Amino acid sequence: MKQQVVIQNLKCGGCAHTIKTELSKLIGISNVIVNEEVSIVEFDNSNEDSSPVITRLDELGYPIEDNPNNMLKKAKSYVSCAVGRITKD
């Protein structure tokens, strides 16, 4: 089933690369697409339960819209972004 979430702290292609890579590791998640312009993450989910995706995004520093977005999460997103930029090339 195709699902999507709106996230916070998405800044660039490095962020998008990290999100695609990390979400694709989750069981039942495939075809991850990150739209940087509108901060939407789309994915196919054979499990129907999106909570593992939401939890992983939060761990990476990209909480979904309307969830708390403290300084620690913002800092995590910068680290995730940097890792994505390094591994993208």
C-alpha atoms as a PDB file:
ATOM      1  CA  MET A   1       0.000   0.000   0.000  1.00  0.00           C
ATOM      2  CA  LYS A   2       1.319   3.443  -0.961  1.00  0.00           C
ATOM      3  CA  GLN A   3       1.673   5.772   2.033  1.00  0.00           C
ATOM      4  CA  GLN A   4       3.141   9.208   2.607  1.00  0.00           C
ATOM      5  CA  VAL A   5       4.169  11.411   5.493  1.00  0.00           C
ATOM      6  CA  VAL A   6       5.108  15.082   5.724  1.00  0.00           C
ATOM      7  CA  ILE A   7       8.355  15.563   7.632  1.00  0.00           C
ATOM      8  CA  GLN A   8      10.313  18.378   9.235  1.00  0.00           C
ATOM      9  CA  ASN A   9      13.996  19.364   8.838  1.00  0.00           C
ATOM     10  CA  LEU A  10      14.372  18.168   5.228  1.00  0.00           C
ATOM     11  CA  LYS A  11      16.999  20.418   3.685  1.00  0.00           C
ATOM     12  CA  CYS A  12      18.641  18.857   0.654  1.00  0.00           C
ATOM     13  CA  GLY A  13      19.586  15.840  -1.418  1.00  0.00           C
ATOM     14  CA  GLY A  14      21.852  14.582   1.358  1.00  0.00           C
ATOM     15  CA  CYS A  15      18.863  14.369   3.686  1.00  0.00           C
ATOM     16  CA  ALA A  16      16.821  12.672   0.976  1.00  0.00           C
ATOM     17  CA  HIS A  17      19.573  10.113   0.334  1.00  0.00           C
ATOM     18  CA  THR A  18      19.816   9.191   4.012  1.00  0.00           C
ATOM     19  CA  ILE A  19      16.035   8.869   4.308  1.00  0.00           C
ATOM     20  CA  LYS A  20      15.779   6.651   1.209  1.00  0.00           C
ATOM     21  CA  THR A  21      18.652   4.461   2.351  1.00  0.00           C
ATOM     22  CA  GLU A  22      17.479   4.037   5.926  1.00  0.00           C
ATOM     23  CA  LEU A  23      13.776   3.508   5.226  1.00  0.00           C
ATOM     24  CA  SER A  24      14.564   0.956   2.519  1.00  0.00           C
ATOM     25  CA  LYS A  25      16.239  -1.178   5.213  1.00  0.00           C
ATOM     26  CA  LEU A  26      12.923  -1.578   7.050  1.00  0.00           C
ATOM     27  CA  ILE A  27      11.032  -4.814   6.446  1.00  0.00           C
ATOM     28  CA  GLY A  28       8.087  -4.295   4.104  1.00  0.00           C
ATOM     29  CA  ILE A  29       9.159  -0.822   2.957  1.00  0.00           C
ATOM     30  CA  SER A  30      10.074  -0.236  -0.689  1.00  0.00           C
ATOM     31  CA  ASN A  31      10.003   2.389  -3.439  1.00  0.00           C
ATOM     32  CA  VAL A  32      10.911   5.267  -1.122  1.00  0.00           C
ATOM     33  CA  ILE A  33      10.578   8.658  -2.807  1.00  0.00           C
ATOM     34  CA  VAL A  34      11.524  11.913  -1.085  1.00  0.00           C
ATOM     35  CA  ASN A  35      10.121  15.162  -2.451  1.00  0.00           C
ATOM     36  CA  GLU A  36      12.454  17.847  -1.121  1.00  0.00           C
ATOM     37  CA  GLU A  37      10.278  20.748  -2.287  1.00  0.00           C
ATOM     38  CA  VAL A  38       7.273  19.830  -0.134  1.00  0.00           C
ATOM     39  CA  SER A  39       8.983  17.653   2.521  1.00  0.00           C
ATOM     40  CA  ILE A  40       6.951  14.563   1.675  1.00  0.00           C
ATOM     41  CA  VAL A  41       8.218  10.998   1.934  1.00  0.00           C
ATOM     42  CA  GLU A  42       6.265   8.411  -0.075  1.00  0.00           C
ATOM     43  CA  PHE A  43       6.776   4.675   0.210  1.00  0.00           C
ATOM     44  CA  ASP A  44       5.162   1.321  -0.429  1.00  0.00           C
ATOM     45  CA  ASN A  45       4.357  -0.442   2.813  1.00  0.00           C
ATOM     46  CA  SER A  46       3.318  -4.093   2.794  1.00  0.00           C
ATOM     47  CA  ASN A  47       2.719  -3.954   6.562  1.00  0.00           C
ATOM     48  CA  GLU A  48       0.104  -1.157   6.535  1.00  0.00           C
ATOM     49  CA  ASP A  49       1.484   0.009   9.923  1.00  0.00           C
ATOM     50  CA  SER A  50       3.549   3.148   9.360  1.00  0.00           C
ATOM     51  CA  SER A  51       4.817   3.442  12.944  1.00  0.00           C
ATOM     52  CA  PRO A  52       8.241   1.836  12.178  1.00  0.00           C
ATOM     53  CA  VAL A  53       8.748   4.425   9.419  1.00  0.00           C
ATOM     54  CA  ILE A  54       7.700   7.296  11.673  1.00  0.00           C
ATOM     55  CA  THR A  55       9.992   6.028  14.456  1.00  0.00           C
ATOM     56  CA  ARG A  56      12.981   5.677  12.100  1.00  0.00           C
ATOM     57  CA  LEU A  57      12.439   9.137  10.625  1.00  0.00           C
ATOM     58  CA  ASP A  58      12.280  10.567  14.138  1.00  0.00           C
ATOM     59  CA  GLU A  59      15.525   8.772  15.083  1.00  0.00           C
ATOM     60  CA  LEU A  60      17.219  10.305  12.034  1.00  0.00           C
ATOM     61  CA  GLY A  61      16.052  13.809  12.987  1.00  0.00           C
ATOM     62  CA  TYR A  62      13.080  14.089  10.621  1.00  0.00           C
ATOM     63  CA  PRO A  63       9.945  13.998  12.784  1.00  0.00           C
ATOM     64  CA  ILE A  64       6.633  14.014  10.985  1.00  0.00           C
ATOM     65  CA  GLU A  65       4.665  17.236  10.750  1.00  0.00           C
ATOM     66  CA  ASP A  66       3.087  18.335  14.041  1.00  0.00           C
ATOM     67  CA  ASN A  67       5.367  16.095  16.144  1.00  0.00           C
ATOM     68  CA  PRO A  68       7.850  17.733  18.533  1.00  0.00           C
ATOM     69  CA  ASN A  69      10.950  19.069  16.785  1.00  0.00           C
ATOM     70  CA  ASN A  70      13.470  20.003  19.465  1.00  0.00           C
ATOM     71  CA  MET A  71      17.124  21.020  19.079  1.00  0.00           C
ATOM     72  CA  LEU A  72      18.324  17.430  19.449  1.00  0.00           C
ATOM     73  CA  LYS A  73      16.212  16.312  16.478  1.00  0.00           C
ATOM     74  CA  LYS A  74      17.413  19.272  14.432  1.00  0.00           C
ATOM     75  CA  ALA A  75      21.014  18.380  15.269  1.00  0.00           C
ATOM     76  CA  LYS A  76      20.392  14.743  14.300  1.00  0.00           C
ATOM     77  CA  SER A  77      19.005  15.896  10.953  1.00  0.00           C
ATOM     78  CA  TYR A  78      22.228  17.821  10.260  1.00  0.00           C
ATOM     79  CA  VAL A  79      24.277  14.700  10.984  1.00  0.00           C
ATOM     80  CA  SER A  80      21.974  12.572   8.822  1.00  0.00           C
ATOM     81  CA  CYS A  81      22.259  15.180   6.073  1.00  0.00           C
ATOM     82  CA  ALA A  82      26.067  15.150   6.225  1.00  0.00           C
ATOM     83  CA  VAL A  83      26.158  11.335   6.102  1.00  0.00           C
ATOM     84  CA  GLY A  84      23.799  11.395   3.133  1.00  0.00           C
ATOM     85  CA  ARG A  85      25.999  13.871   1.278  1.00  0.00           C
ATOM     86  CA  ILE A  86      29.109  11.777   1.892  1.00  0.00           C
ATOM     87  CA  THR A  87      27.543   8.444   0.899  1.00  0.00           C
ATOM     88  CA  LYS A  88      25.549   9.893  -2.027  1.00  0.00           C
ATOM     89  CA  ASP A  89      28.579  10.441  -4.241  1.00  0.00           C
END
